C-alpha atoms as a PDB file:
ATOM      1  CA  ALA A   1      63.013 129.928  94.864  1.00  0.00           C
ATOM      2  CA  SER A   2      61.365 130.850  97.611  1.00  0.00           C
ATOM      3  CA  ASP A   3      57.560 128.995  99.579  1.00  0.00           C
ATOM      4  CA  VAL A   4      55.634 131.526  97.446  1.00  0.00           C
ATOM      5  CA  TYR A   5      56.756 130.934  93.993  1.00  0.00           C
ATOM      6  CA  LYS A   6      56.354 126.912  94.902  1.00  0.00           C
ATOM      7  CA  ARG A   7      53.213 127.739  96.356  1.00  0.00           C
ATOM      8  CA  GLN A   8      51.902 129.460  93.142  1.00  0.00           C
ATOM      9  CA  ASN A   9      53.259 126.946  90.904  1.00  0.00           C
ATOM     10  CA  LEU A  10      54.373 129.513  88.398  1.00  0.00           C
ATOM     11  CA  THR A  11      57.211 128.052  85.712  1.00  0.00           C
ATOM     12  CA  CYS A  12      60.568 130.007  84.949  1.00  0.00           C
ATOM     13  CA  LYS A  13      58.969 131.681  82.008  1.00  0.00           C
ATOM     14  CA  GLU A  14      56.174 132.773  84.079  1.00  0.00           C
ATOM     15  CA  MET A  15      57.788 134.430  86.144  1.00  0.00           C
ATOM     16  CA  LYS A  16      59.787 136.219  83.550  1.00  0.00           C
ATOM     17  CA  VAL A  17      56.553 137.486  81.915  1.00  0.00           C
ATOM     18  CA  LEU A  18      55.207 138.273  85.110  1.00  0.00           C
ATOM     19  CA  ASN A  19      58.167 140.614  86.350  1.00  0.00           C
ATOM     20  CA  LEU A  20      58.312 142.254  82.964  1.00  0.00           C
ATOM     21  CA  LEU A  21      54.678 143.020  83.022  1.00  0.00           C
ATOM     22  CA  PHE A  22      55.600 144.402  86.423  1.00  0.00           C
ATOM     23  CA  SER A  23      58.755 146.719  85.787  1.00  0.00           C
ATOM     24  CA  GLY A  24      55.882 148.093  83.683  1.00  0.00           C
ATOM     25  CA  LEU A  25      56.704 146.788  80.138  1.00  0.00           C
ATOM     26  CA  HIS A  26      54.013 146.538  77.255  1.00  0.00           C
ATOM     27  CA  SER A  27      52.751 142.960  76.027  1.00  0.00           C
ATOM     28  CA  SER A  28      54.803 143.271  72.550  1.00  0.00           C
ATOM     29  CA  VAL A  29      58.064 144.443  74.806  1.00  0.00           C
ATOM     30  CA  ILE A  30      57.837 141.632  76.921  1.00  0.00           C
ATOM     31  CA  ALA A  31      57.211 139.447  73.510  1.00  0.00           C
ATOM     32  CA  ASP A  32      60.567 140.814  72.111  1.00  0.00           C
ATOM     33  CA  THR A  33      62.578 140.938  75.709  1.00  0.00           C
ATOM     34  CA  LEU A  34      61.933 136.736  76.122  1.00  0.00           C
ATOM     35  CA  PHE A  35      61.928 136.343  72.315  1.00  0.00           C
ATOM     36  CA  ILE A  36      58.568 134.936  72.058  1.00  0.00           C
ATOM     37  CA  SER A  37      55.207 135.942  70.454  1.00  0.00           C
ATOM     38  CA  GLU A  38      52.723 138.587  71.555  1.00  0.00           C
ATOM     39  CA  ALA A  39      50.042 135.649  71.787  1.00  0.00           C
ATOM     40  CA  THR A  40      52.345 133.426  73.433  1.00  0.00           C
ATOM     41  CA  VAL A  41      52.436 136.287  76.462  1.00  0.00           C
ATOM     42  CA  ARG A  42      49.127 136.608  76.231  1.00  0.00           C
ATOM     43  CA  VAL A  43      49.011 132.759  76.677  1.00  0.00           C
ATOM     44  CA  HIS A  44      51.560 133.182  79.723  1.00  0.00           C
ATOM     45  CA  LEU A  45      49.684 135.955  81.368  1.00  0.00           C
ATOM     46  CA  HIS A  46      46.098 133.880  81.030  1.00  0.00           C
ATOM     47  CA  LYS A  47      47.836 130.845  82.905  1.00  0.00           C
ATOM     48  CA  VAL A  48      49.546 133.280  85.490  1.00  0.00           C
ATOM     49  CA  TYR A  49      46.269 134.740  86.053  1.00  0.00           C
ATOM     50  CA  GLN A  50      44.329 131.681  87.037  1.00  0.00           C
ATOM     51  CA  LYS A  51      47.266 130.296  89.077  1.00  0.00           C
ATOM     52  CA  ILE A  52      47.584 133.659  91.468  1.00  0.00           C
ATOM     53  CA  ALA A  53      43.776 133.815  91.212  1.00  0.00           C
ATOM     54  CA  VAL A  54      43.248 137.162  89.529  1.00  0.00           C
ATOM     55  CA  LYS A  55      41.131 138.630  86.794  1.00  0.00           C
ATOM     56  CA  ASN A  56      43.039 141.174  84.761  1.00  0.00           C
ATOM     57  CA  LYS A  57      46.499 142.905  84.702  1.00  0.00           C
ATOM     58  CA  GLN A  58      45.520 145.647  87.226  1.00  0.00           C
ATOM     59  CA  GLN A  59      44.607 143.062  89.693  1.00  0.00           C
ATOM     60  CA  ALA A  60      47.670 140.938  88.909  1.00  0.00           C
ATOM     61  CA  LEU A  61      50.175 144.117  89.280  1.00  0.00           C
ATOM     62  CA  LEU A  62      48.410 144.807  93.139  1.00  0.00           C
ATOM     63  CA  TRP A  63      49.382 141.070  93.351  1.00  0.00           C
ATOM     64  CA  CYS A  64      52.966 141.558  92.401  1.00  0.00           C
ATOM     65  CA  LYS A  65      53.187 144.517  94.827  1.00  0.00           C
ATOM     66  CA  LYS A  66      52.500 142.450  97.422  1.00  0.00           C
ATOM     67  CA  ASN A  67      54.145 139.337  96.504  1.00  0.00           C
ATOM     68  CA  LEU A  68      56.881 139.709  94.086  1.00  0.00           C
ATOM     69  CA  SER A  69      59.833 140.752  96.578  1.00  0.00           C
ATOM     70  CA  LYS A  70      59.180 137.502  98.941  1.00  0.00           C
ATOM     71  CA  ILE A  71      58.999 135.644  95.251  1.00  0.00           C
ATOM     72  CA  ASN A  72      62.162 136.946  93.819  1.00  0.00           C
ATOM     73  CA  SER A  73      64.751 137.537  96.861  1.00  0.00           C
END
């Protein structure tokens, strides 16, 4: 994992949720994809938002645009 990933301190599952969110999937689809409940997806997203210092999905998507390529490489 890259430095950005370590700096943000995101777990593997949080990264998966963030990547799926960024690829345009709805929470319910993310839940099905990862075999977790939609409530769990929301918990992961809430934690992710705190870690990357954003308030909502739109801001998270903007953050992803800037940072995900670095994190996933």
